[in-house]
Amino acid sequence: MKSIDEIKPIVESLVFAAEEPITLRKLTDIIEGADSPQIQEAILQLKADYDAQGRSFQIEEIAGGYQLFTKPDYYEWIAKLRKKSGETKL
């Protein structure tokens, strides 16, 4: 059985790397030695860590899985990035 401190960085890396929301079931299938309650606790702790550290992103549950999102406070900056990267020069 893995400890929460061992599970947290693994969960974080999987949620970060997933191209779509990653389900709790998939997380438990991938992380050997961790059960659903442990993974859910790791996610709760990651959310609390991000809030306490004032991070610009958060983990949200969406479409039956978990995904990283930029906080709404930073929408203006993300919109500028997307506008700039969408401009093409001829």
PDB file of N, CA and C in Angstrom:
ATOM      1  N   MET A   1       0.839  -1.188   0.000  1.00  0.00           N
ATOM      2  CA  MET A   1       0.000   0.000   0.000  1.00  0.00           C
ATOM      3  C   MET A   1       0.881   1.248   0.000  1.00  0.00           C
ATOM      4  N   LYS A   2       0.603   2.139  -0.909  1.00  0.00           N
ATOM      5  CA  LYS A   2       1.370   3.381  -1.005  1.00  0.00           C
ATOM      6  C   LYS A   2       0.810   4.426  -0.043  1.00  0.00           C
ATOM      7  N   SER A   3       1.664   5.347   0.393  1.00  0.00           N
ATOM      8  CA  SER A   3       1.218   6.438   1.251  1.00  0.00           C
ATOM      9  C   SER A   3       0.672   7.573   0.383  1.00  0.00           C
ATOM     10  N   ILE A   4      -0.115   8.441   0.999  1.00  0.00           N
ATOM     11  CA  ILE A   4      -0.669   9.598   0.290  1.00  0.00           C
ATOM     12  C   ILE A   4       0.476  10.450  -0.285  1.00  0.00           C
ATOM     13  N   ASP A   5       1.557  10.601   0.476  1.00  0.00           N
ATOM     14  CA  ASP A   5       2.696  11.394   0.001  1.00  0.00           C
ATOM     15  C   ASP A   5       3.348  10.783  -1.237  1.00  0.00           C
ATOM     16  N   GLU A   6       3.266   9.483  -1.395  1.00  0.00           N
ATOM     17  CA  GLU A   6       3.785   8.822  -2.591  1.00  0.00           C
ATOM     18  C   GLU A   6       2.800   8.965  -3.755  1.00  0.00           C
ATOM     19  N   ILE A   7       1.520   8.930  -3.434  1.00  0.00           N
ATOM     20  CA  ILE A   7       0.466   8.948  -4.453  1.00  0.00           C
ATOM     21  C   ILE A   7       0.281  10.338  -5.068  1.00  0.00           C
ATOM     22  N   LYS A   8       0.364  11.387  -4.251  1.00  0.00           N
ATOM     23  CA  LYS A   8       0.087  12.750  -4.727  1.00  0.00           C
ATOM     24  C   LYS A   8       0.865  13.135  -5.984  1.00  0.00           C
ATOM     25  N   PRO A   9       2.199  12.989  -6.009  1.00  0.00           N
ATOM     26  CA  PRO A   9       2.908  13.406  -7.227  1.00  0.00           C
ATOM     27  C   PRO A   9       2.576  12.540  -8.444  1.00  0.00           C
ATOM     28  N   ILE A  10       2.224  11.286  -8.207  1.00  0.00           N
ATOM     29  CA  ILE A  10       1.845  10.405  -9.318  1.00  0.00           C
ATOM     30  C   ILE A  10       0.511  10.863  -9.895  1.00  0.00           C
ATOM     31  N   VAL A  11      -0.462  11.115  -9.019  1.00  0.00           N
ATOM     32  CA  VAL A  11      -1.771  11.604  -9.457  1.00  0.00           C
ATOM     33  C   VAL A  11      -1.608  12.922 -10.203  1.00  0.00           C
ATOM     34  N   GLU A  12      -0.821  13.817  -9.634  1.00  0.00           N
ATOM     35  CA  GLU A  12      -0.599  15.126 -10.262  1.00  0.00           C
ATOM     36  C   GLU A  12      -0.025  14.968 -11.665  1.00  0.00           C
ATOM     37  N   SER A  13       0.957  14.103 -11.819  1.00  0.00           N
ATOM     38  CA  SER A  13       1.584  13.921 -13.128  1.00  0.00           C
ATOM     39  C   SER A  13       0.610  13.310 -14.132  1.00  0.00           C
ATOM     40  N   LEU A  14      -0.221  12.393 -13.686  1.00  0.00           N
ATOM     41  CA  LEU A  14      -1.189  11.764 -14.588  1.00  0.00           C
ATOM     42  C   LEU A  14      -2.282  12.739 -15.015  1.00  0.00           C
ATOM     43  N   VAL A  15      -2.786  13.516 -14.064  1.00  0.00           N
ATOM     44  CA  VAL A  15      -3.818  14.511 -14.396  1.00  0.00           C
ATOM     45  C   VAL A  15      -3.231  15.555 -15.343  1.00  0.00           C
ATOM     46  N   PHE A  16      -1.995  15.954 -15.106  1.00  0.00           N
ATOM     47  CA  PHE A  16      -1.330  16.938 -15.951  1.00  0.00           C
ATOM     48  C   PHE A  16      -1.122  16.401 -17.372  1.00  0.00           C
ATOM     49  N   ALA A  17      -0.697  15.164 -17.479  1.00  0.00           N
ATOM     50  CA  ALA A  17      -0.345  14.591 -18.784  1.00  0.00           C
ATOM     51  C   ALA A  17      -1.547  14.114 -19.597  1.00  0.00           C
ATOM     52  N   ALA A  18      -2.663  13.850 -18.935  1.00  0.00           N
ATOM     53  CA  ALA A  18      -3.839  13.325 -19.643  1.00  0.00           C
ATOM     54  C   ALA A  18      -4.402  14.373 -20.602  1.00  0.00           C
ATOM     55  N   GLU A  19      -4.720  13.945 -21.798  1.00  0.00           N
ATOM     56  CA  GLU A  19      -5.262  14.847 -22.810  1.00  0.00           C
ATOM     57  C   GLU A  19      -6.747  15.106 -22.621  1.00  0.00           C
ATOM     58  N   GLU A  20      -7.377  14.288 -21.812  1.00  0.00           N
ATOM     59  CA  GLU A  20      -8.795  14.444 -21.494  1.00  0.00           C
ATOM     60  C   GLU A  20      -8.972  14.108 -20.022  1.00  0.00           C
ATOM     61  N   PRO A  21     -10.143  14.402 -19.458  1.00  0.00           N
ATOM     62  CA  PRO A  21     -10.328  14.089 -18.034  1.00  0.00           C
ATOM     63  C   PRO A  21      -9.999  12.616 -17.750  1.00  0.00           C
ATOM     64  N   ILE A  22      -9.233  12.385 -16.707  1.00  0.00           N
ATOM     65  CA  ILE A  22      -8.840  11.021 -16.345  1.00  0.00           C
ATOM     66  C   ILE A  22      -9.713  10.550 -15.188  1.00  0.00           C
ATOM     67  N   THR A  23     -10.313   9.392 -15.348  1.00  0.00           N
ATOM     68  CA  THR A  23     -11.259   8.886 -14.363  1.00  0.00           C
ATOM     69  C   THR A  23     -10.557   8.303 -13.142  1.00  0.00           C
ATOM     70  N   LEU A  24     -11.293   8.236 -12.052  1.00  0.00           N
ATOM     71  CA  LEU A  24     -10.790   7.628 -10.831  1.00  0.00           C
ATOM     72  C   LEU A  24     -10.426   6.167 -11.098  1.00  0.00           C
ATOM     73  N   ARG A  25     -11.249   5.497 -11.869  1.00  0.00           N
ATOM     74  CA  ARG A  25     -10.981   4.086 -12.200  1.00  0.00           C
ATOM     75  C   ARG A  25      -9.653   3.933 -12.935  1.00  0.00           C
ATOM     76  N   LYS A  26      -9.415   4.817 -13.900  1.00  0.00           N
ATOM     77  CA  LYS A  26      -8.156   4.750 -14.651  1.00  0.00           C
ATOM     78  C   LYS A  26      -6.970   5.032 -13.732  1.00  0.00           C
ATOM     79  N   LEU A  27      -7.121   6.005 -12.843  1.00  0.00           N
ATOM     80  CA  LEU A  27      -6.055   6.303 -11.885  1.00  0.00           C
ATOM     81  C   LEU A  27      -5.757   5.096 -11.004  1.00  0.00           C
ATOM     82  N   THR A  28      -6.804   4.413 -10.521  1.00  0.00           N
ATOM     83  CA  THR A  28      -6.575   3.238  -9.662  1.00  0.00           C
ATOM     84  C   THR A  28      -5.985   2.077 -10.458  1.00  0.00           C
ATOM     85  N   ASP A  29      -6.330   1.975 -11.741  1.00  0.00           N
ATOM     86  CA  ASP A  29      -5.741   0.928 -12.579  1.00  0.00           C
ATOM     87  C   ASP A  29      -4.249   1.167 -12.802  1.00  0.00           C
ATOM     88  N   ILE A  30      -3.879   2.432 -12.957  1.00  0.00           N
ATOM     89  CA  ILE A  30      -2.489   2.783 -13.263  1.00  0.00           C
ATOM     90  C   ILE A  30      -1.606   2.753 -12.015  1.00  0.00           C
ATOM     91  N   ILE A  31      -2.132   3.273 -10.901  1.00  0.00           N
ATOM     92  CA  ILE A  31      -1.315   3.398  -9.684  1.00  0.00           C
ATOM     93  C   ILE A  31      -1.479   2.141  -8.835  1.00  0.00           C
ATOM     94  N   GLU A  32      -0.563   1.232  -9.015  1.00  0.00           N
ATOM     95  CA  GLU A  32      -0.609  -0.013  -8.253  1.00  0.00           C
ATOM     96  C   GLU A  32      -0.349   0.280  -6.775  1.00  0.00           C
ATOM     97  N   GLY A  33      -1.092  -0.384  -5.913  1.00  0.00           N
ATOM     98  CA  GLY A  33      -0.915  -0.200  -4.478  1.00  0.00           C
ATOM     99  C   GLY A  33      -1.684   0.973  -3.910  1.00  0.00           C
ATOM    100  N   ALA A  34      -2.587   1.555  -4.728  1.00  0.00           N
ATOM    101  CA  ALA A  34      -3.420   2.664  -4.253  1.00  0.00           C
ATOM    102  C   ALA A  34      -4.877   2.344  -4.556  1.00  0.00           C
ATOM    103  N   ASP A  35      -5.744   2.632  -3.600  1.00  0.00           N
ATOM    104  CA  ASP A  35      -7.170   2.400  -3.830  1.00  0.00           C
ATOM    105  C   ASP A  35      -7.894   3.732  -4.064  1.00  0.00           C
ATOM    106  N   SER A  36      -9.152   3.646  -4.431  1.00  0.00           N
ATOM    107  CA  SER A  36      -9.942   4.846  -4.759  1.00  0.00           C
ATOM    108  C   SER A  36      -9.968   5.880  -3.641  1.00  0.00           C
ATOM    109  N   PRO A  37     -10.233   5.481  -2.377  1.00  0.00           N
ATOM    110  CA  PRO A  37     -10.245   6.485  -1.315  1.00  0.00           C
ATOM    111  C   PRO A  37      -8.899   7.208  -1.159  1.00  0.00           C
ATOM    112  N   GLN A  38      -7.801   6.497  -1.327  1.00  0.00           N
ATOM    113  CA  GLN A  38      -6.483   7.124  -1.223  1.00  0.00           C
ATOM    114  C   GLN A  38      -6.279   8.133  -2.352  1.00  0.00           C
ATOM    115  N   ILE A  39      -6.681   7.769  -3.546  1.00  0.00           N
ATOM    116  CA  ILE A  39      -6.517   8.670  -4.690  1.00  0.00           C
ATOM    117  C   ILE A  39      -7.411   9.890  -4.525  1.00  0.00           C
ATOM    118  N   GLN A  40      -8.624   9.693  -4.049  1.00  0.00           N
ATOM    119  CA  GLN A  40      -9.511  10.831  -3.799  1.00  0.00           C
ATOM    120  C   GLN A  40      -8.923  11.752  -2.733  1.00  0.00           C
ATOM    121  N   GLU A  41      -8.323  11.181  -1.701  1.00  0.00           N
ATOM    122  CA  GLU A  41      -7.679  11.981  -0.657  1.00  0.00           C
ATOM    123  C   GLU A  41      -6.488  12.742  -1.242  1.00  0.00           C
ATOM    124  N   ALA A  42      -5.724  12.090  -2.102  1.00  0.00           N
ATOM    125  CA  ALA A  42      -4.586  12.748  -2.742  1.00  0.00           C
ATOM    126  C   ALA A  42      -5.059  13.942  -3.572  1.00  0.00           C
ATOM    127  N   ILE A  43      -6.165  13.785  -4.282  1.00  0.00           N
ATOM    128  CA  ILE A  43      -6.719  14.879  -5.084  1.00  0.00           C
ATOM    129  C   ILE A  43      -7.170  16.023  -4.189  1.00  0.00           C
ATOM    130  N   LEU A  44      -7.841  15.705  -3.090  1.00  0.00           N
ATOM    131  CA  LEU A  44      -8.254  16.747  -2.141  1.00  0.00           C
ATOM    132  C   LEU A  44      -7.044  17.492  -1.579  1.00  0.00           C
ATOM    133  N   GLN A  45      -6.004  16.762  -1.255  1.00  0.00           N
ATOM    134  CA  GLN A  45      -4.794  17.395  -0.726  1.00  0.00           C
ATOM    135  C   GLN A  45      -4.106  18.252  -1.780  1.00  0.00           C
ATOM    136  N   LEU A  46      -4.081  17.782  -3.030  1.00  0.00           N
ATOM    137  CA  LEU A  46      -3.498  18.588  -4.102  1.00  0.00           C
ATOM    138  C   LEU A  46      -4.274  19.887  -4.276  1.00  0.00           C
ATOM    139  N   LYS A  47      -5.606  19.801  -4.250  1.00  0.00           N
ATOM    140  CA  LYS A  47      -6.439  21.004  -4.365  1.00  0.00           C
ATOM    141  C   LYS A  47      -6.114  21.988  -3.240  1.00  0.00           C
ATOM    142  N   ALA A  48      -6.002  21.477  -2.019  1.00  0.00           N
ATOM    143  CA  ALA A  48      -5.684  22.324  -0.864  1.00  0.00           C
ATOM    144  C   ALA A  48      -4.285  22.917  -0.999  1.00  0.00           C
ATOM    145  N   ASP A  49      -3.333  22.105  -1.470  1.00  0.00           N
ATOM    146  CA  ASP A  49      -1.963  22.594  -1.680  1.00  0.00           C
ATOM    147  C   ASP A  49      -1.956  23.744  -2.687  1.00  0.00           C
ATOM    148  N   TYR A  50      -2.650  23.566  -3.801  1.00  0.00           N
ATOM    149  CA  TYR A  50      -2.681  24.593  -4.844  1.00  0.00           C
ATOM    150  C   TYR A  50      -3.287  25.887  -4.310  1.00  0.00           C
ATOM    151  N   ASP A  51      -4.359  25.769  -3.535  1.00  0.00           N
ATOM    152  CA  ASP A  51      -4.996  26.961  -2.956  1.00  0.00           C
ATOM    153  C   ASP A  51      -4.048  27.651  -1.967  1.00  0.00           C
ATOM    154  N   ALA A  52      -3.426  26.867  -1.099  1.00  0.00           N
ATOM    155  CA  ALA A  52      -2.530  27.420  -0.081  1.00  0.00           C
ATOM    156  C   ALA A  52      -1.311  28.093  -0.710  1.00  0.00           C
ATOM    157  N   GLN A  53      -0.867  27.572  -1.848  1.00  0.00           N
ATOM    158  CA  GLN A  53       0.309  28.110  -2.524  1.00  0.00           C
ATOM    159  C   GLN A  53      -0.032  29.242  -3.493  1.00  0.00           C
ATOM    160  N   GLY A  54      -1.336  29.514  -3.652  1.00  0.00           N
ATOM    161  CA  GLY A  54      -1.762  30.574  -4.558  1.00  0.00           C
ATOM    162  C   GLY A  54      -1.500  30.249  -6.018  1.00  0.00           C
ATOM    163  N   ARG A  55      -1.597  28.977  -6.372  1.00  0.00           N
ATOM    164  CA  ARG A  55      -1.332  28.552  -7.751  1.00  0.00           C
ATOM    165  C   ARG A  55      -2.369  29.104  -8.708  1.00  0.00           C
ATOM    166  N   SER A  56      -2.016  29.195  -9.975  1.00  0.00           N
ATOM    167  CA  SER A  56      -2.915  29.738 -10.999  1.00  0.00           C
ATOM    168  C   SER A  56      -3.809  28.660 -11.608  1.00  0.00           C
ATOM    169  N   PHE A  57      -3.663  27.425 -11.141  1.00  0.00           N
ATOM    170  CA  PHE A  57      -4.454  26.325 -11.689  1.00  0.00           C
ATOM    171  C   PHE A  57      -5.081  25.511 -10.568  1.00  0.00           C
ATOM    172  N   GLN A  58      -6.018  24.648 -10.957  1.00  0.00           N
ATOM    173  CA  GLN A  58      -6.719  23.810  -9.997  1.00  0.00           C
ATOM    174  C   GLN A  58      -7.128  22.507 -10.670  1.00  0.00           C
ATOM    175  N   ILE A  59      -7.360  21.484  -9.871  1.00  0.00           N
ATOM    176  CA  ILE A  59      -7.898  20.226 -10.386  1.00  0.00           C
ATOM    177  C   ILE A  59      -9.410  20.290 -10.225  1.00  0.00           C
ATOM    178  N   GLU A  60     -10.113  19.993 -11.302  1.00  0.00           N
ATOM    179  CA  GLU A  60     -11.573  19.980 -11.268  1.00  0.00           C
ATOM    180  C   GLU A  60     -12.086  18.640 -11.754  1.00  0.00           C
ATOM    181  N   GLU A  61     -13.225  18.243 -11.205  1.00  0.00           N
ATOM    182  CA  GLU A  61     -13.891  17.038 -11.678  1.00  0.00           C
ATOM    183  C   GLU A  61     -14.833  17.447 -12.801  1.00  0.00           C
ATOM    184  N   ILE A  62     -14.649  16.816 -13.961  1.00  0.00           N
ATOM    185  CA  ILE A  62     -15.446  17.150 -15.132  1.00  0.00           C
ATOM    186  C   ILE A  62     -15.570  15.910 -16.019  1.00  0.00           C
ATOM    187  N   ALA A  63     -16.746  15.733 -16.585  1.00  0.00           N
ATOM    188  CA  ALA A  63     -16.988  14.621 -17.517  1.00  0.00           C
ATOM    189  C   ALA A  63     -16.575  13.270 -16.930  1.00  0.00           C
ATOM    190  N   GLY A  64     -16.822  13.085 -15.639  1.00  0.00           N
ATOM    191  CA  GLY A  64     -16.528  11.809 -14.992  1.00  0.00           C
ATOM    192  C   GLY A  64     -15.059  11.577 -14.685  1.00  0.00           C
ATOM    193  N   GLY A  65     -14.241  12.623 -14.812  1.00  0.00           N
ATOM    194  CA  GLY A  65     -12.821  12.476 -14.536  1.00  0.00           C
ATOM    195  C   GLY A  65     -12.249  13.754 -13.954  1.00  0.00           C
ATOM    196  N   TYR A  66     -10.940  13.789 -13.863  1.00  0.00           N
ATOM    197  CA  TYR A  66     -10.244  14.937 -13.279  1.00  0.00           C
ATOM    198  C   TYR A  66      -9.347  15.584 -14.325  1.00  0.00           C
ATOM    199  N   GLN A  67      -9.287  16.912 -14.287  1.00  0.00           N
ATOM    200  CA  GLN A  67      -8.480  17.657 -15.239  1.00  0.00           C
ATOM    201  C   GLN A  67      -7.950  18.923 -14.575  1.00  0.00           C
ATOM    202  N   LEU A  68      -6.795  19.380 -15.035  1.00  0.00           N
ATOM    203  CA  LEU A  68      -6.228  20.646 -14.558  1.00  0.00           C
ATOM    204  C   LEU A  68      -6.800  21.793 -15.381  1.00  0.00           C
ATOM    205  N   PHE A  69      -7.180  22.855 -14.705  1.00  0.00           N
ATOM    206  CA  PHE A  69      -7.695  24.047 -15.353  1.00  0.00           C
ATOM    207  C   PHE A  69      -7.022  25.272 -14.776  1.00  0.00           C
ATOM    208  N   THR A  70      -6.830  26.272 -15.616  1.00  0.00           N
ATOM    209  CA  THR A  70      -6.375  27.565 -15.138  1.00  0.00           C
ATOM    210  C   THR A  70      -7.536  28.218 -14.401  1.00  0.00           C
ATOM    211  N   LYS A  71      -7.258  28.901 -13.313  1.00  0.00           N
ATOM    212  CA  LYS A  71      -8.310  29.588 -12.564  1.00  0.00           C
ATOM    213  C   LYS A  71      -8.890  30.720 -13.413  1.00  0.00           C
ATOM    214  N   PRO A  72     -10.185  30.994 -13.254  1.00  0.00           N
ATOM    215  CA  PRO A  72     -10.844  32.050 -14.040  1.00  0.00           C
ATOM    216  C   PRO A  72     -10.168  33.419 -13.927  1.00  0.00           C
ATOM    217  N   ASP A  73      -9.494  33.686 -12.821  1.00  0.00           N
ATOM    218  CA  ASP A  73      -8.805  34.970 -12.642  1.00  0.00           C
ATOM    219  C   ASP A  73      -7.778  35.238 -13.745  1.00  0.00           C
ATOM    220  N   TYR A  74      -7.322  34.186 -14.402  1.00  0.00           N
ATOM    221  CA  TYR A  74      -6.259  34.321 -15.392  1.00  0.00           C
ATOM    222  C   TYR A  74      -6.769  34.212 -16.824  1.00  0.00           C
ATOM    223  N   TYR A  75      -8.086  34.232 -17.005  1.00  0.00           N
ATOM    224  CA  TYR A  75      -8.680  34.110 -18.330  1.00  0.00           C
ATOM    225  C   TYR A  75      -8.145  35.181 -19.283  1.00  0.00           C
ATOM    226  N   GLU A  76      -8.065  36.412 -18.795  1.00  0.00           N
ATOM    227  CA  GLU A  76      -7.604  37.538 -19.626  1.00  0.00           C
ATOM    228  C   GLU A  76      -6.229  37.233 -20.231  1.00  0.00           C
ATOM    229  N   TRP A  77      -5.340  36.679 -19.444  1.00  0.00           N
ATOM    230  CA  TRP A  77      -3.982  36.392 -19.905  1.00  0.00           C
ATOM    231  C   TRP A  77      -3.965  35.224 -20.883  1.00  0.00           C
ATOM    232  N   ILE A  78      -4.769  34.217 -20.607  1.00  0.00           N
ATOM    233  CA  ILE A  78      -4.848  33.061 -21.508  1.00  0.00           C
ATOM    234  C   ILE A  78      -5.437  33.486 -22.846  1.00  0.00           C
ATOM    235  N   ALA A  79      -6.445  34.360 -22.809  1.00  0.00           N
ATOM    236  CA  ALA A  79      -7.065  34.854 -24.045  1.00  0.00           C
ATOM    237  C   ALA A  79      -6.030  35.604 -24.889  1.00  0.00           C
ATOM    238  N   LYS A  80      -5.174  36.396 -24.248  1.00  0.00           N
ATOM    239  CA  LYS A  80      -4.125  37.114 -24.975  1.00  0.00           C
ATOM    240  C   LYS A  80      -3.140  36.135 -25.623  1.00  0.00           C
ATOM    241  N   LEU A  81      -2.785  35.100 -24.890  1.00  0.00           N
ATOM    242  CA  LEU A  81      -1.879  34.086 -25.422  1.00  0.00           C
ATOM    243  C   LEU A  81      -2.486  33.413 -26.647  1.00  0.00           C
ATOM    244  N   ARG A  82      -3.738  33.024 -26.534  1.00  0.00           N
ATOM    245  CA  ARG A  82      -4.404  32.342 -27.651  1.00  0.00           C
ATOM    246  C   ARG A  82      -4.547  33.254 -28.857  1.00  0.00           C
ATOM    247  N   LYS A  83      -4.824  34.525 -28.592  1.00  0.00           N
ATOM    248  CA  LYS A  83      -4.942  35.479 -29.696  1.00  0.00           C
ATOM    249  C   LYS A  83      -3.597  35.636 -30.394  1.00  0.00           C
ATOM    250  N   LYS A  84      -2.532  35.780 -29.612  1.00  0.00           N
ATOM    251  CA  LYS A  84      -1.189  35.943 -30.179  1.00  0.00           C
ATOM    252  C   LYS A  84      -0.760  34.696 -30.944  1.00  0.00           C
ATOM    253  N   SER A  85      -1.006  33.529 -30.399  1.00  0.00           N
ATOM    254  CA  SER A  85      -0.558  32.293 -31.058  1.00  0.00           C
ATOM    255  C   SER A  85      -1.432  31.979 -32.273  1.00  0.00           C
ATOM    256  N   GLY A  86      -2.620  32.571 -32.336  1.00  0.00           N
ATOM    257  CA  GLY A  86      -3.503  32.356 -33.490  1.00  0.00           C
ATOM    258  C   GLY A  86      -3.206  33.266 -34.657  1.00  0.00           C
ATOM    259  N   GLU A  87      -2.415  34.302 -34.426  1.00  0.00           N
ATOM    260  CA  GLU A  87      -2.079  35.233 -35.499  1.00  0.00           C
ATOM    261  C   GLU A  87      -1.027  34.587 -36.402  1.00  0.00           C
ATOM    262  N   THR A  88      -1.249  34.702 -37.701  1.00  0.00           N
ATOM    263  CA  THR A  88      -0.252  34.173 -38.646  1.00  0.00           C
ATOM    264  C   THR A  88       0.265  35.312 -39.490  1.00  0.00           C
ATOM    265  N   LYS A  89       1.510  35.213 -39.834  1.00  0.00           N
ATOM    266  CA  LYS A  89       2.123  36.249 -40.667  1.00  0.00           C
ATOM    267  C   LYS A  89       2.379  35.676 -42.051  1.00  0.00           C
ATOM    268  N   LEU A  90       2.081  36.469 -43.034  1.00  0.00           N
ATOM    269  CA  LEU A  90       2.298  36.033 -44.424  1.00  0.00           C
ATOM    270  C   LEU A  90       3.592  36.608 -44.949  1.00  0.00           C
TER     271      LEU A  90
END
